Amino acid sequence: KERGFFVFHRAYDHWVTEFGLNQVGAFTITPEQKPGMRTIQLMREQLRSGQVACIFREPEYSPALVVKVVGDLPVKQGELDPLGGNISLTRDGYPYFLRDMADRAAHCLSE
């Protein structure tokens, strides 16, 4: 809960609030709207200062924006899949989806 992270876009606000997580920022509000240079510079400063322990990408979007912001900074990266592409469509699919998200977050945010 103390370790900060960036997400690709603001799809996780309810999830973050529910579990009291420390989402420091998002690369974009919507995937169609890329951040400006000021936002990219602020994000790089947050990465350099150690405020961000992990960056989460998404499988359906190009990692180019994440690569541009991270550059050569040593920060862990993980992947969150809000579409649950790896989860079977079964009666128990949704709980598995939530568990998968939690496991991926815990893995990337662990020290």
PDB file of N, CA and C in Angstrom:
ATOM      1  N   LYS A   1       0.817  -1.203   0.000  1.00  0.00           N
ATOM      2  CA  LYS A   1       0.000   0.000   0.000  1.00  0.00           C
ATOM      3  C   LYS A   1       0.857   1.262   0.000  1.00  0.00           C
ATOM      4  N   GLU A   2       2.075   1.190   0.512  1.00  0.00           N
ATOM      5  CA  GLU A   2       2.932   2.367   0.566  1.00  0.00           C
ATOM      6  C   GLU A   2       3.701   2.586  -0.737  1.00  0.00           C
ATOM      7  N   ARG A   3       3.968   1.526  -1.479  1.00  0.00           N
ATOM      8  CA  ARG A   3       4.796   1.625  -2.682  1.00  0.00           C
ATOM      9  C   ARG A   3       3.975   2.187  -3.840  1.00  0.00           C
ATOM     10  N   GLY A   4       4.472   3.266  -4.430  1.00  0.00           N
ATOM     11  CA  GLY A   4       3.770   3.935  -5.511  1.00  0.00           C
ATOM     12  C   GLY A   4       3.925   3.227  -6.844  1.00  0.00           C
ATOM     13  N   PHE A   5       2.969   3.477  -7.728  1.00  0.00           N
ATOM     14  CA  PHE A   5       3.035   2.883  -9.058  1.00  0.00           C
ATOM     15  C   PHE A   5       2.307   3.768 -10.069  1.00  0.00           C
ATOM     16  N   PHE A   6       2.669   3.567 -11.326  1.00  0.00           N
ATOM     17  CA  PHE A   6       1.985   4.177 -12.459  1.00  0.00           C
ATOM     18  C   PHE A   6       1.193   3.085 -13.175  1.00  0.00           C
ATOM     19  N   VAL A   7       0.056   3.465 -13.723  1.00  0.00           N
ATOM     20  CA  VAL A   7      -0.710   2.587 -14.600  1.00  0.00           C
ATOM     21  C   VAL A   7      -0.723   3.209 -15.989  1.00  0.00           C
ATOM     22  N   PHE A   8      -1.094   2.407 -16.980  1.00  0.00           N
ATOM     23  CA  PHE A   8      -1.117   2.927 -18.337  1.00  0.00           C
ATOM     24  C   PHE A   8      -2.206   3.989 -18.505  1.00  0.00           C
ATOM     25  N   HIS A   9      -3.414   3.668 -18.060  1.00  0.00           N
ATOM     26  CA  HIS A   9      -4.488   4.655 -18.104  1.00  0.00           C
ATOM     27  C   HIS A   9      -5.401   4.470 -16.902  1.00  0.00           C
ATOM     28  N   ARG A  10      -6.335   5.367 -16.699  1.00  0.00           N
ATOM     29  CA  ARG A  10      -7.117   5.447 -15.468  1.00  0.00           C
ATOM     30  C   ARG A  10      -8.256   4.432 -15.396  1.00  0.00           C
ATOM     31  N   ALA A  11      -7.972   3.189 -15.707  1.00  0.00           N
ATOM     32  CA  ALA A  11      -9.001   2.151 -15.659  1.00  0.00           C
ATOM     33  C   ALA A  11      -9.136   1.529 -14.282  1.00  0.00           C
ATOM     34  N   TYR A  12      -8.246   1.865 -13.367  1.00  0.00           N
ATOM     35  CA  TYR A  12      -8.143   1.134 -12.108  1.00  0.00           C
ATOM     36  C   TYR A  12      -8.528   1.945 -10.885  1.00  0.00           C
ATOM     37  N   ASP A  13      -9.089   3.102 -11.062  1.00  0.00           N
ATOM     38  CA  ASP A  13      -9.356   3.987  -9.924  1.00  0.00           C
ATOM     39  C   ASP A  13     -10.198   3.329  -8.834  1.00  0.00           C
ATOM     40  N   HIS A  14     -11.256   2.626  -9.210  1.00  0.00           N
ATOM     41  CA  HIS A  14     -12.109   1.975  -8.200  1.00  0.00           C
ATOM     42  C   HIS A  14     -11.347   0.872  -7.470  1.00  0.00           C
ATOM     43  N   TRP A  15     -10.582   0.094  -8.207  1.00  0.00           N
ATOM     44  CA  TRP A  15      -9.770  -0.985  -7.649  1.00  0.00           C
ATOM     45  C   TRP A  15      -8.736  -0.419  -6.674  1.00  0.00           C
ATOM     46  N   VAL A  16      -8.070   0.658  -7.079  1.00  0.00           N
ATOM     47  CA  VAL A  16      -7.062   1.310  -6.240  1.00  0.00           C
ATOM     48  C   VAL A  16      -7.695   1.838  -4.954  1.00  0.00           C
ATOM     49  N   THR A  17      -8.835   2.479  -5.080  1.00  0.00           N
ATOM     50  CA  THR A  17      -9.532   3.022  -3.908  1.00  0.00           C
ATOM     51  C   THR A  17      -9.987   1.908  -2.972  1.00  0.00           C
ATOM     52  N   GLU A  18     -10.563   0.867  -3.532  1.00  0.00           N
ATOM     53  CA  GLU A  18     -11.073  -0.253  -2.727  1.00  0.00           C
ATOM     54  C   GLU A  18      -9.996  -0.888  -1.855  1.00  0.00           C
ATOM     55  N   PHE A  19      -8.786  -1.011  -2.405  1.00  0.00           N
ATOM     56  CA  PHE A  19      -7.724  -1.689  -1.674  1.00  0.00           C
ATOM     57  C   PHE A  19      -6.717  -0.715  -1.049  1.00  0.00           C
ATOM     58  N   GLY A  20      -6.966   0.580  -1.161  1.00  0.00           N
ATOM     59  CA  GLY A  20      -6.087   1.569  -0.539  1.00  0.00           C
ATOM     60  C   GLY A  20      -4.681   1.574  -1.110  1.00  0.00           C
ATOM     61  N   LEU A  21      -4.570   1.405  -2.418  1.00  0.00           N
ATOM     62  CA  LEU A  21      -3.260   1.358  -3.066  1.00  0.00           C
ATOM     63  C   LEU A  21      -2.745   2.759  -3.379  1.00  0.00           C
ATOM     64  N   ASN A  22      -1.473   2.861  -3.696  1.00  0.00           N
ATOM     65  CA  ASN A  22      -0.810   4.149  -3.900  1.00  0.00           C
ATOM     66  C   ASN A  22      -0.509   4.388  -5.383  1.00  0.00           C
ATOM     67  N   GLN A  23      -1.553   4.646  -6.151  1.00  0.00           N
ATOM     68  CA  GLN A  23      -1.369   4.957  -7.569  1.00  0.00           C
ATOM     69  C   GLN A  23      -0.884   6.401  -7.668  1.00  0.00           C
ATOM     70  N   VAL A  24       0.351   6.574  -8.102  1.00  0.00           N
ATOM     71  CA  VAL A  24       0.961   7.893  -8.188  1.00  0.00           C
ATOM     72  C   VAL A  24       0.497   8.635  -9.433  1.00  0.00           C
ATOM     73  N   GLY A  25       0.251   7.895 -10.512  1.00  0.00           N
ATOM     74  CA  GLY A  25      -0.175   8.545 -11.742  1.00  0.00           C
ATOM     75  C   GLY A  25      -0.502   7.551 -12.826  1.00  0.00           C
ATOM     76  N   ALA A  26      -0.903   8.106 -13.963  1.00  0.00           N
ATOM     77  CA  ALA A  26      -1.237   7.305 -15.138  1.00  0.00           C
ATOM     78  C   ALA A  26      -0.597   7.962 -16.355  1.00  0.00           C
ATOM     79  N   PHE A  27      -0.164   7.141 -17.282  1.00  0.00           N
ATOM     80  CA  PHE A  27       0.461   7.666 -18.493  1.00  0.00           C
ATOM     81  C   PHE A  27      -0.509   8.502 -19.307  1.00  0.00           C
ATOM     82  N   THR A  28      -1.770   8.149 -19.247  1.00  0.00           N
ATOM     83  CA  THR A  28      -2.780   8.878 -19.997  1.00  0.00           C
ATOM     84  C   THR A  28      -4.140   8.691 -19.332  1.00  0.00           C
ATOM     85  N   ILE A  29      -5.009   9.652 -19.501  1.00  0.00           N
ATOM     86  CA  ILE A  29      -6.359   9.526 -18.954  1.00  0.00           C
ATOM     87  C   ILE A  29      -7.142   8.509 -19.774  1.00  0.00           C
ATOM     88  N   THR A  30      -7.011   8.612 -21.075  1.00  0.00           N
ATOM     89  CA  THR A  30      -7.596   7.633 -21.984  1.00  0.00           C
ATOM     90  C   THR A  30      -6.508   7.196 -22.955  1.00  0.00           C
ATOM     91  N   PRO A  31      -6.566   5.966 -23.453  1.00  0.00           N
ATOM     92  CA  PRO A  31      -5.521   5.488 -24.357  1.00  0.00           C
ATOM     93  C   PRO A  31      -5.367   6.319 -25.632  1.00  0.00           C
ATOM     94  N   GLU A  32      -6.406   7.034 -26.015  1.00  0.00           N
ATOM     95  CA  GLU A  32      -6.347   7.837 -27.228  1.00  0.00           C
ATOM     96  C   GLU A  32      -5.621   9.172 -27.018  1.00  0.00           C
ATOM     97  N   GLN A  33      -5.424   9.577 -25.782  1.00  0.00           N
ATOM     98  CA  GLN A  33      -4.849  10.886 -25.474  1.00  0.00           C
ATOM     99  C   GLN A  33      -3.467  10.706 -24.851  1.00  0.00           C
ATOM    100  N   LYS A  34      -2.421  11.031 -25.604  1.00  0.00           N
ATOM    101  CA  LYS A  34      -1.060  10.887 -25.103  1.00  0.00           C
ATOM    102  C   LYS A  34      -0.703  12.065 -24.191  1.00  0.00           C
ATOM    103  N   PRO A  35       0.172  11.836 -23.202  1.00  0.00           N
ATOM    104  CA  PRO A  35       0.559  12.926 -22.295  1.00  0.00           C
ATOM    105  C   PRO A  35       1.484  13.920 -22.990  1.00  0.00           C
ATOM    106  N   GLY A  36       1.472  15.146 -22.497  1.00  0.00           N
ATOM    107  CA  GLY A  36       2.359  16.173 -23.019  1.00  0.00           C
ATOM    108  C   GLY A  36       3.746  16.075 -22.410  1.00  0.00           C
ATOM    109  N   MET A  37       4.659  16.896 -22.886  1.00  0.00           N
ATOM    110  CA  MET A  37       6.038  16.871 -22.397  1.00  0.00           C
ATOM    111  C   MET A  37       6.121  17.209 -20.910  1.00  0.00           C
ATOM    112  N   ARG A  38       5.303  18.122 -20.431  1.00  0.00           N
ATOM    113  CA  ARG A  38       5.322  18.483 -19.014  1.00  0.00           C
ATOM    114  C   ARG A  38       4.961  17.279 -18.144  1.00  0.00           C
ATOM    115  N   THR A  39       3.955  16.521 -18.563  1.00  0.00           N
ATOM    116  CA  THR A  39       3.540  15.332 -17.821  1.00  0.00           C
ATOM    117  C   THR A  39       4.632  14.272 -17.849  1.00  0.00           C
ATOM    118  N   ILE A  40       5.239  14.071 -19.001  1.00  0.00           N
ATOM    119  CA  ILE A  40       6.323  13.096 -19.123  1.00  0.00           C
ATOM    120  C   ILE A  40       7.490  13.492 -18.226  1.00  0.00           C
ATOM    121  N   GLN A  41       7.837  14.765 -18.206  1.00  0.00           N
ATOM    122  CA  GLN A  41       8.936  15.240 -17.355  1.00  0.00           C
ATOM    123  C   GLN A  41       8.618  15.015 -15.877  1.00  0.00           C
ATOM    124  N   LEU A  42       7.399  15.317 -15.462  1.00  0.00           N
ATOM    125  CA  LEU A  42       6.989  15.097 -14.073  1.00  0.00           C
ATOM    126  C   LEU A  42       7.071  13.612 -13.713  1.00  0.00           C
ATOM    127  N   MET A  43       6.625  12.760 -14.613  1.00  0.00           N
ATOM    128  CA  MET A  43       6.685  11.325 -14.353  1.00  0.00           C
ATOM    129  C   MET A  43       8.129  10.848 -14.224  1.00  0.00           C
ATOM    130  N   ARG A  44       9.013  11.349 -15.067  1.00  0.00           N
ATOM    131  CA  ARG A  44      10.430  10.967 -14.972  1.00  0.00           C
ATOM    132  C   ARG A  44      11.021  11.435 -13.641  1.00  0.00           C
ATOM    133  N   GLU A  45      10.626  12.616 -13.180  1.00  0.00           N
ATOM    134  CA  GLU A  45      11.106  13.106 -11.882  1.00  0.00           C
ATOM    135  C   GLU A  45      10.608  12.192 -10.757  1.00  0.00           C
ATOM    136  N   GLN A  46       9.350  11.758 -10.846  1.00  0.00           N
ATOM    137  CA  GLN A  46       8.814  10.847  -9.832  1.00  0.00           C
ATOM    138  C   GLN A  46       9.543   9.502  -9.860  1.00  0.00           C
ATOM    139  N   LEU A  47       9.906   9.043 -11.031  1.00  0.00           N
ATOM    140  CA  LEU A  47      10.667   7.800 -11.143  1.00  0.00           C
ATOM    141  C   LEU A  47      12.059   7.960 -10.539  1.00  0.00           C
ATOM    142  N   ARG A  48      12.734   9.048 -10.872  1.00  0.00           N
ATOM    143  CA  ARG A  48      14.076   9.299 -10.348  1.00  0.00           C
ATOM    144  C   ARG A  48      14.093   9.424  -8.831  1.00  0.00           C
ATOM    145  N   SER A  49      13.061  10.028  -8.268  1.00  0.00           N
ATOM    146  CA  SER A  49      13.027  10.278  -6.823  1.00  0.00           C
ATOM    147  C   SER A  49      12.649   9.041  -6.012  1.00  0.00           C
ATOM    148  N   GLY A  50      12.249   7.964  -6.684  1.00  0.00           N
ATOM    149  CA  GLY A  50      11.898   6.737  -5.976  1.00  0.00           C
ATOM    150  C   GLY A  50      10.453   6.677  -5.513  1.00  0.00           C
ATOM    151  N   GLN A  51       9.616   7.628  -5.950  1.00  0.00           N
ATOM    152  CA  GLN A  51       8.202   7.610  -5.578  1.00  0.00           C
ATOM    153  C   GLN A  51       7.446   6.452  -6.229  1.00  0.00           C
ATOM    154  N   VAL A  52       8.017   5.909  -7.304  1.00  0.00           N
ATOM    155  CA  VAL A  52       7.344   4.878  -8.089  1.00  0.00           C
ATOM    156  C   VAL A  52       8.158   3.590  -8.042  1.00  0.00           C
ATOM    157  N   ALA A  53       7.544   2.532  -7.516  1.00  0.00           N
ATOM    158  CA  ALA A  53       8.211   1.237  -7.409  1.00  0.00           C
ATOM    159  C   ALA A  53       7.925   0.334  -8.607  1.00  0.00           C
ATOM    160  N   CYS A  54       6.836   0.613  -9.322  1.00  0.00           N
ATOM    161  CA  CYS A  54       6.425  -0.267 -10.413  1.00  0.00           C
ATOM    162  C   CYS A  54       5.612   0.515 -11.445  1.00  0.00           C
ATOM    163  N   ILE A  55       5.762   0.103 -12.680  1.00  0.00           N
ATOM    164  CA  ILE A  55       4.951   0.648 -13.771  1.00  0.00           C
ATOM    165  C   ILE A  55       4.182  -0.513 -14.386  1.00  0.00           C
ATOM    166  N   PHE A  56       2.874  -0.318 -14.533  1.00  0.00           N
ATOM    167  CA  PHE A  56       2.041  -1.354 -15.132  1.00  0.00           C
ATOM    168  C   PHE A  56       1.672  -0.975 -16.567  1.00  0.00           C
ATOM    169  N   ARG A  57       2.001  -1.889 -17.496  1.00  0.00           N
ATOM    170  CA  ARG A  57       1.598  -1.747 -18.888  1.00  0.00           C
ATOM    171  C   ARG A  57       0.344  -2.575 -19.096  1.00  0.00           C
ATOM    172  N   GLU A  58      -0.193  -2.498 -20.306  1.00  0.00           N
ATOM    173  CA  GLU A  58      -1.355  -3.309 -20.664  1.00  0.00           C
ATOM    174  C   GLU A  58      -1.066  -4.006 -21.986  1.00  0.00           C
ATOM    175  N   PRO A  59      -1.489  -5.266 -22.131  1.00  0.00           N
ATOM    176  CA  PRO A  59      -1.125  -6.040 -23.320  1.00  0.00           C
ATOM    177  C   PRO A  59      -1.699  -5.504 -24.623  1.00  0.00           C
ATOM    178  N   GLU A  60      -2.817  -4.801 -24.573  1.00  0.00           N
ATOM    179  CA  GLU A  60      -3.440  -4.357 -25.830  1.00  0.00           C
ATOM    180  C   GLU A  60      -2.867  -3.054 -26.375  1.00  0.00           C
ATOM    181  N   TYR A  61      -1.940  -2.421 -25.636  1.00  0.00           N
ATOM    182  CA  TYR A  61      -1.362  -1.148 -26.083  1.00  0.00           C
ATOM    183  C   TYR A  61       0.138  -1.269 -26.274  1.00  0.00           C
ATOM    184  N   SER A  62       0.634  -0.523 -27.231  1.00  0.00           N
ATOM    185  CA  SER A  62       2.069  -0.507 -27.510  1.00  0.00           C
ATOM    186  C   SER A  62       2.824  -0.007 -26.279  1.00  0.00           C
ATOM    187  N   PRO A  63       3.948  -0.632 -25.965  1.00  0.00           N
ATOM    188  CA  PRO A  63       4.735  -0.185 -24.812  1.00  0.00           C
ATOM    189  C   PRO A  63       5.601   1.039 -25.101  1.00  0.00           C
ATOM    190  N   ALA A  64       5.487   1.632 -26.292  1.00  0.00           N
ATOM    191  CA  ALA A  64       6.363   2.733 -26.687  1.00  0.00           C
ATOM    192  C   ALA A  64       6.322   3.915 -25.705  1.00  0.00           C
ATOM    193  N   LEU A  65       5.145   4.278 -25.231  1.00  0.00           N
ATOM    194  CA  LEU A  65       5.022   5.394 -24.302  1.00  0.00           C
ATOM    195  C   LEU A  65       5.713   5.078 -22.978  1.00  0.00           C
ATOM    196  N   VAL A  66       5.534   3.867 -22.489  1.00  0.00           N
ATOM    197  CA  VAL A  66       6.188   3.452 -21.247  1.00  0.00           C
ATOM    198  C   VAL A  66       7.701   3.482 -21.428  1.00  0.00           C
ATOM    199  N   VAL A  67       8.183   2.950 -22.537  1.00  0.00           N
ATOM    200  CA  VAL A  67       9.620   2.935 -22.832  1.00  0.00           C
ATOM    201  C   VAL A  67      10.161   4.356 -22.878  1.00  0.00           C
ATOM    202  N   LYS A  68       9.420   5.265 -23.488  1.00  0.00           N
ATOM    203  CA  LYS A  68       9.846   6.660 -23.605  1.00  0.00           C
ATOM    204  C   LYS A  68       9.977   7.309 -22.221  1.00  0.00           C
ATOM    205  N   VAL A  69       9.032   7.083 -21.359  1.00  0.00           N
ATOM    206  CA  VAL A  69       9.056   7.709 -20.031  1.00  0.00           C
ATOM    207  C   VAL A  69      10.119   7.073 -19.139  1.00  0.00           C
ATOM    208  N   VAL A  70      10.200   5.757 -19.149  1.00  0.00           N
ATOM    209  CA  VAL A  70      11.139   5.059 -18.268  1.00  0.00           C
ATOM    210  C   VAL A  70      12.579   5.256 -18.715  1.00  0.00           C
ATOM    211  N   GLY A  71      12.816   5.190 -20.016  1.00  0.00           N
ATOM    212  CA  GLY A  71      14.180   5.325 -20.506  1.00  0.00           C
ATOM    213  C   GLY A  71      15.071   4.273 -19.869  1.00  0.00           C
ATOM    214  N   ASP A  72      16.183   4.709 -19.290  1.00  0.00           N
ATOM    215  CA  ASP A  72      17.118   3.770 -18.670  1.00  0.00           C
ATOM    216  C   ASP A  72      16.998   3.729 -17.145  1.00  0.00           C
ATOM    217  N   LEU A  73      15.912   4.280 -16.617  1.00  0.00           N
ATOM    218  CA  LEU A  73      15.726   4.282 -15.165  1.00  0.00           C
ATOM    219  C   LEU A  73      15.389   2.869 -14.676  1.00  0.00           C
ATOM    220  N   PRO A  74      15.977   2.467 -13.544  1.00  0.00           N
ATOM    221  CA  PRO A  74      15.752   1.107 -13.037  1.00  0.00           C
ATOM    222  C   PRO A  74      14.454   0.993 -12.233  1.00  0.00           C
ATOM    223  N   VAL A  75      13.361   0.743 -12.920  1.00  0.00           N
ATOM    224  CA  VAL A  75      12.064   0.592 -12.250  1.00  0.00           C
ATOM    225  C   VAL A  75      11.425  -0.700 -12.730  1.00  0.00           C
ATOM    226  N   LYS A  76      10.796  -1.415 -11.813  1.00  0.00           N
ATOM    227  CA  LYS A  76      10.127  -2.669 -12.174  1.00  0.00           C
ATOM    228  C   LYS A  76       8.913  -2.386 -13.051  1.00  0.00           C
ATOM    229  N   GLN A  77       8.645  -3.325 -13.944  1.00  0.00           N
ATOM    230  CA  GLN A  77       7.474  -3.211 -14.799  1.00  0.00           C
ATOM    231  C   GLN A  77       6.654  -4.488 -14.701  1.00  0.00           C
ATOM    232  N   GLY A  78       5.358  -4.308 -14.701  1.00  0.00           N
ATOM    233  CA  GLY A  78       4.432  -5.430 -14.674  1.00  0.00           C
ATOM    234  C   GLY A  78       3.347  -5.197 -15.706  1.00  0.00           C
ATOM    235  N   GLU A  79       2.452  -6.151 -15.809  1.00  0.00           N
ATOM    236  CA  GLU A  79       1.375  -6.022 -16.776  1.00  0.00           C
ATOM    237  C   GLU A  79       0.038  -6.300 -16.091  1.00  0.00           C
ATOM    238  N   LEU A  80      -0.892  -5.387 -16.271  1.00  0.00           N
ATOM    239  CA  LEU A  80      -2.265  -5.570 -15.821  1.00  0.00           C
ATOM    240  C   LEU A  80      -3.134  -5.691 -17.064  1.00  0.00           C
ATOM    241  N   ASP A  81      -4.053  -6.620 -17.030  1.00  0.00           N
ATOM    242  CA  ASP A  81      -4.919  -6.848 -18.183  1.00  0.00           C
ATOM    243  C   ASP A  81      -6.369  -6.607 -17.784  1.00  0.00           C
ATOM    244  N   PRO A  82      -6.878  -5.376 -17.998  1.00  0.00           N
ATOM    245  CA  PRO A  82      -8.252  -5.082 -17.593  1.00  0.00           C
ATOM    246  C   PRO A  82      -9.297  -5.848 -18.389  1.00  0.00           C
ATOM    247  N   LEU A  83      -8.881  -6.471 -19.483  1.00  0.00           N
ATOM    248  CA  LEU A  83      -9.813  -7.272 -20.285  1.00  0.00           C
ATOM    249  C   LEU A  83      -9.805  -8.741 -19.868  1.00  0.00           C
ATOM    250  N   GLY A  84      -8.856  -9.117 -19.019  1.00  0.00           N
ATOM    251  CA  GLY A  84      -8.791 -10.507 -18.553  1.00  0.00           C
ATOM    252  C   GLY A  84      -8.587 -11.504 -19.666  1.00  0.00           C
ATOM    253  N   GLY A  85      -7.733 -11.180 -20.618  1.00  0.00           N
ATOM    254  CA  GLY A  85      -7.506 -12.036 -21.776  1.00  0.00           C
ATOM    255  C   GLY A  85      -7.018 -13.435 -21.452  1.00  0.00           C
ATOM    256  N   ASN A  86      -6.383 -13.600 -20.304  1.00  0.00           N
ATOM    257  CA  ASN A  86      -5.862 -14.910 -19.937  1.00  0.00           C
ATOM    258  C   ASN A  86      -6.805 -15.674 -18.993  1.00  0.00           C
ATOM    259  N   ILE A  87      -7.994 -15.126 -18.740  1.00  0.00           N
ATOM    260  CA  ILE A  87      -8.950 -15.739 -17.826  1.00  0.00           C
ATOM    261  C   ILE A  87     -10.045 -16.434 -18.638  1.00  0.00           C
ATOM    262  N   SER A  88     -10.313 -17.680 -18.298  1.00  0.00           N
ATOM    263  CA  SER A  88     -11.365 -18.450 -18.993  1.00  0.00           C
ATOM    264  C   SER A  88     -12.744 -17.887 -18.664  1.00  0.00           C
ATOM    265  N   LEU A  89     -13.619 -17.925 -19.647  1.00  0.00           N
ATOM    266  CA  LEU A  89     -14.997 -17.479 -19.452  1.00  0.00           C
ATOM    267  C   LEU A  89     -15.795 -18.594 -18.783  1.00  0.00           C
ATOM    268  N   THR A  90     -15.713 -18.606 -17.477  1.00  0.00           N
ATOM    269  CA  THR A  90     -16.422 -19.614 -16.693  1.00  0.00           C
ATOM    270  C   THR A  90     -17.230 -18.911 -15.608  1.00  0.00           C
ATOM    271  N   ARG A  91     -17.998 -19.676 -14.890  1.00  0.00           N
ATOM    272  CA  ARG A  91     -18.793 -19.131 -13.796  1.00  0.00           C
ATOM    273  C   ARG A  91     -17.912 -18.488 -12.726  1.00  0.00           C
ATOM    274  N   ASP A  92     -16.714 -19.021 -12.543  1.00  0.00           N
ATOM    275  CA  ASP A  92     -15.781 -18.497 -11.545  1.00  0.00           C
ATOM    276  C   ASP A  92     -14.757 -17.548 -12.149  1.00  0.00           C
ATOM    277  N   GLY A  93     -14.961 -17.130 -13.376  1.00  0.00           N
ATOM    278  CA  GLY A  93     -13.984 -16.298 -14.071  1.00  0.00           C
ATOM    279  C   GLY A  93     -13.701 -14.969 -13.399  1.00  0.00           C
ATOM    280  N   TYR A  94     -14.742 -14.309 -12.922  1.00  0.00           N
ATOM    281  CA  TYR A  94     -14.524 -12.979 -12.337  1.00  0.00           C
ATOM    282  C   TYR A  94     -13.659 -13.022 -11.074  1.00  0.00           C
ATOM    283  N   PRO A  95     -13.913 -13.927 -10.133  1.00  0.00           N
ATOM    284  CA  PRO A  95     -13.006 -14.005  -8.974  1.00  0.00           C
ATOM    285  C   PRO A  95     -11.567 -14.335  -9.379  1.00  0.00           C
ATOM    286  N   TYR A  96     -11.392 -15.189 -10.394  1.00  0.00           N
ATOM    287  CA  TYR A  96     -10.043 -15.484 -10.882  1.00  0.00           C
ATOM    288  C   TYR A  96      -9.407 -14.238 -11.487  1.00  0.00           C
ATOM    289  N   PHE A  97     -10.194 -13.466 -12.203  1.00  0.00           N
ATOM    290  CA  PHE A  97      -9.720 -12.214 -12.792  1.00  0.00           C
ATOM    291  C   PHE A  97      -9.222 -11.264 -11.696  1.00  0.00           C
ATOM    292  N   LEU A  98     -10.013 -11.094 -10.644  1.00  0.00           N
ATOM    293  CA  LEU A  98      -9.608 -10.209  -9.546  1.00  0.00           C
ATOM    294  C   LEU A  98      -8.347 -10.721  -8.856  1.00  0.00           C
ATOM    295  N   ARG A  99      -8.271 -12.021  -8.670  1.00  0.00           N
ATOM    296  CA  ARG A  99      -7.083 -12.610  -8.034  1.00  0.00           C
ATOM    297  C   ARG A  99      -5.853 -12.424  -8.909  1.00  0.00           C
ATOM    298  N   ASP A 100      -6.020 -12.591 -10.219  1.00  0.00           N
ATOM    299  CA  ASP A 100      -4.912 -12.397 -11.160  1.00  0.00           C
ATOM    300  C   ASP A 100      -4.399 -10.962 -11.082  1.00  0.00           C
ATOM    301  N   MET A 101      -5.303 -10.004 -11.055  1.00  0.00           N
ATOM    302  CA  MET A 101      -4.903  -8.590 -10.939  1.00  0.00           C
ATOM    303  C   MET A 101      -4.135  -8.368  -9.642  1.00  0.00           C
ATOM    304  N   ALA A 102      -4.646  -8.877  -8.541  1.00  0.00           N
ATOM    305  CA  ALA A 102      -3.991  -8.702  -7.238  1.00  0.00           C
ATOM    306  C   ALA A 102      -2.619  -9.366  -7.226  1.00  0.00           C
ATOM    307  N   ASP A 103      -2.510 -10.560  -7.776  1.00  0.00           N
ATOM    308  CA  ASP A 103      -1.223 -11.257  -7.813  1.00  0.00           C
ATOM    309  C   ASP A 103      -0.198 -10.500  -8.650  1.00  0.00           C
ATOM    310  N   ARG A 104      -0.632  -9.992  -9.793  1.00  0.00           N
ATOM    311  CA  ARG A 104       0.280  -9.238 -10.653  1.00  0.00           C
ATOM    312  C   ARG A 104       0.748  -7.957  -9.964  1.00  0.00           C
ATOM    313  N   ALA A 105      -0.167  -7.280  -9.292  1.00  0.00           N
ATOM    314  CA  ALA A 105       0.198  -6.050  -8.572  1.00  0.00           C
ATOM    315  C   ALA A 105       1.167  -6.369  -7.439  1.00  0.00           C
ATOM    316  N   ALA A 106       0.855  -7.385  -6.657  1.00  0.00           N
ATOM    317  CA  ALA A 106       1.721  -7.755  -5.531  1.00  0.00           C
ATOM    318  C   ALA A 106       3.117  -8.136  -6.000  1.00  0.00           C
ATOM    319  N   HIS A 107       3.187  -8.863  -7.101  1.00  0.00           N
ATOM    320  CA  HIS A 107       4.490  -9.275  -7.628  1.00  0.00           C
ATOM    321  C   HIS A 107       5.340  -8.068  -8.014  1.00  0.00           C
ATOM    322  N   CYS A 108       4.765  -7.152  -8.743  1.00  0.00           N
ATOM    323  CA  CYS A 108       5.532  -5.996  -9.221  1.00  0.00           C
ATOM    324  C   CYS A 108       5.864  -5.035  -8.077  1.00  0.00           C
ATOM    325  N   LEU A 109       4.987  -4.917  -7.112  1.00  0.00           N
ATOM    326  CA  LEU A 109       5.210  -3.971  -6.021  1.00  0.00           C
ATOM    327  C   LEU A 109       6.048  -4.535  -4.879  1.00  0.00           C
ATOM    328  N   SER A 110       6.343  -5.842  -4.916  1.00  0.00           N
ATOM    329  CA  SER A 110       7.175  -6.418  -3.868  1.00  0.00           C
ATOM    330  C   SER A 110       8.600  -5.920  -4.017  1.00  0.00           C
ATOM    331  N   GLU A 111       9.318  -5.920  -2.920  1.00  0.00           N
ATOM    332  CA  GLU A 111      10.698  -5.408  -2.950  1.00  0.00           C
ATOM    333  C   GLU A 111      11.661  -6.389  -3.527  1.00  0.00           C
TER     334      GLU A 111
END
